[in-house]
C-alpha atoms as a PDB file:
ATOM      1  CA  MET A   1      66.119  -3.582 -17.453  1.00  0.00           C
ATOM      2  CA  ALA A   2      66.008  -4.713 -21.093  1.00  0.00           C
ATOM      3  CA  LYS A   3      69.783  -5.214 -21.067  1.00  0.00           C
ATOM      4  CA  ILE A   4      69.537  -7.707 -18.206  1.00  0.00           C
ATOM      5  CA  TYR A   5      66.911  -9.822 -19.949  1.00  0.00           C
ATOM      6  CA  SER A   6      68.671  -9.808 -23.319  1.00  0.00           C
ATOM      7  CA  ASN A   7      71.951 -10.960 -21.706  1.00  0.00           C
ATOM      8  CA  GLU A   8      70.259 -13.800 -19.822  1.00  0.00           C
ATOM      9  CA  VAL A   9      68.470 -15.057 -22.913  1.00  0.00           C
ATOM     10  CA  SER A  10      71.598 -15.039 -25.049  1.00  0.00           C
ATOM     11  CA  GLU A  11      73.466 -17.139 -22.465  1.00  0.00           C
ATOM     12  CA  PHE A  12      70.789 -19.838 -22.270  1.00  0.00           C
ATOM     13  CA  TYR A  13      70.082 -20.212 -25.980  1.00  0.00           C
ATOM     14  CA  SER A  14      73.552 -19.869 -27.435  1.00  0.00           C
ATOM     15  CA  LYS A  15      74.092 -23.575 -28.163  1.00  0.00           C
ATOM     16  CA  PRO A  16      71.458 -25.853 -29.751  1.00  0.00           C
ATOM     17  CA  THR A  17      71.094 -29.297 -28.212  1.00  0.00           C
ATOM     18  CA  LYS A  18      71.291 -32.523 -30.180  1.00  0.00           C
ATOM     19  CA  PRO A  19      70.533 -36.107 -29.138  1.00  0.00           C
ATOM     20  CA  SER A  20      73.540 -38.305 -28.499  1.00  0.00           C
ATOM     21  CA  ALA A  21      74.501 -41.173 -30.756  1.00  0.00           C
ATOM     22  CA  LYS A  22      73.480 -43.618 -28.006  1.00  0.00           C
ATOM     23  CA  THR A  23      69.965 -42.141 -27.858  1.00  0.00           C
ATOM     24  CA  LEU A  24      69.547 -42.362 -31.628  1.00  0.00           C
ATOM     25  CA  LYS A  25      70.740 -45.982 -31.648  1.00  0.00           C
ATOM     26  CA  ARG A  26      68.200 -46.951 -28.942  1.00  0.00           C
ATOM     27  CA  ILE A  27      65.342 -45.315 -30.847  1.00  0.00           C
ATOM     28  CA  LEU A  28      66.292 -47.039 -34.098  1.00  0.00           C
ATOM     29  CA  ASP A  29      66.711 -50.426 -32.402  1.00  0.00           C
ATOM     30  CA  PHE A  30      63.295 -50.090 -30.777  1.00  0.00           C
ATOM     31  CA  SER A  31      61.638 -49.162 -34.061  1.00  0.00           C
ATOM     32  CA  LYS A  32      63.126 -52.271 -35.704  1.00  0.00           C
ATOM     33  CA  ALA A  33      61.847 -54.542 -32.927  1.00  0.00           C
ATOM     34  CA  TYR A  34      58.322 -53.050 -32.784  1.00  0.00           C
ATOM     35  CA  LYS A  35      55.806 -54.909 -34.938  1.00  0.00           C
ATOM     36  CA  LEU A  36      52.180 -54.059 -35.628  1.00  0.00           C
ATOM     37  CA  VAL A  37      49.956 -56.754 -37.126  1.00  0.00           C
ATOM     38  CA  ARG A  38      46.472 -56.020 -38.407  1.00  0.00           C
ATOM     39  CA  TYR A  39      43.942 -58.819 -38.673  1.00  0.00           C
ATOM     40  CA  LYS A  40      40.504 -57.788 -39.901  1.00  0.00           C
ATOM     41  CA  ASP A  41      39.425 -55.026 -37.469  1.00  0.00           C
ATOM     42  CA  LEU A  42      41.973 -55.920 -34.780  1.00  0.00           C
ATOM     43  CA  GLU A  43      45.487 -54.594 -34.241  1.00  0.00           C
ATOM     44  CA  PHE A  44      48.181 -56.517 -32.370  1.00  0.00           C
ATOM     45  CA  ASP A  45      51.454 -54.926 -31.377  1.00  0.00           C
ATOM     46  CA  SER A  46      54.553 -56.628 -30.039  1.00  0.00           C
ATOM     47  CA  ILE A  47      58.181 -55.970 -29.265  1.00  0.00           C
ATOM     48  CA  GLN A  48      60.398 -58.729 -30.557  1.00  0.00           C
ATOM     49  CA  ASN A  49      63.759 -59.514 -29.029  1.00  0.00           C
END
């Protein structure tokens, strides 16, 4: 029984996953466009095009 479980686990976790270049570009573009402005005790956030 232990052999079956160890073989299944090794097949599923053999290759680590990484985000694609397109995903990273979208995240970085969004972070550049996102602005947070603080005025006294208030916070205003906006996404600028």
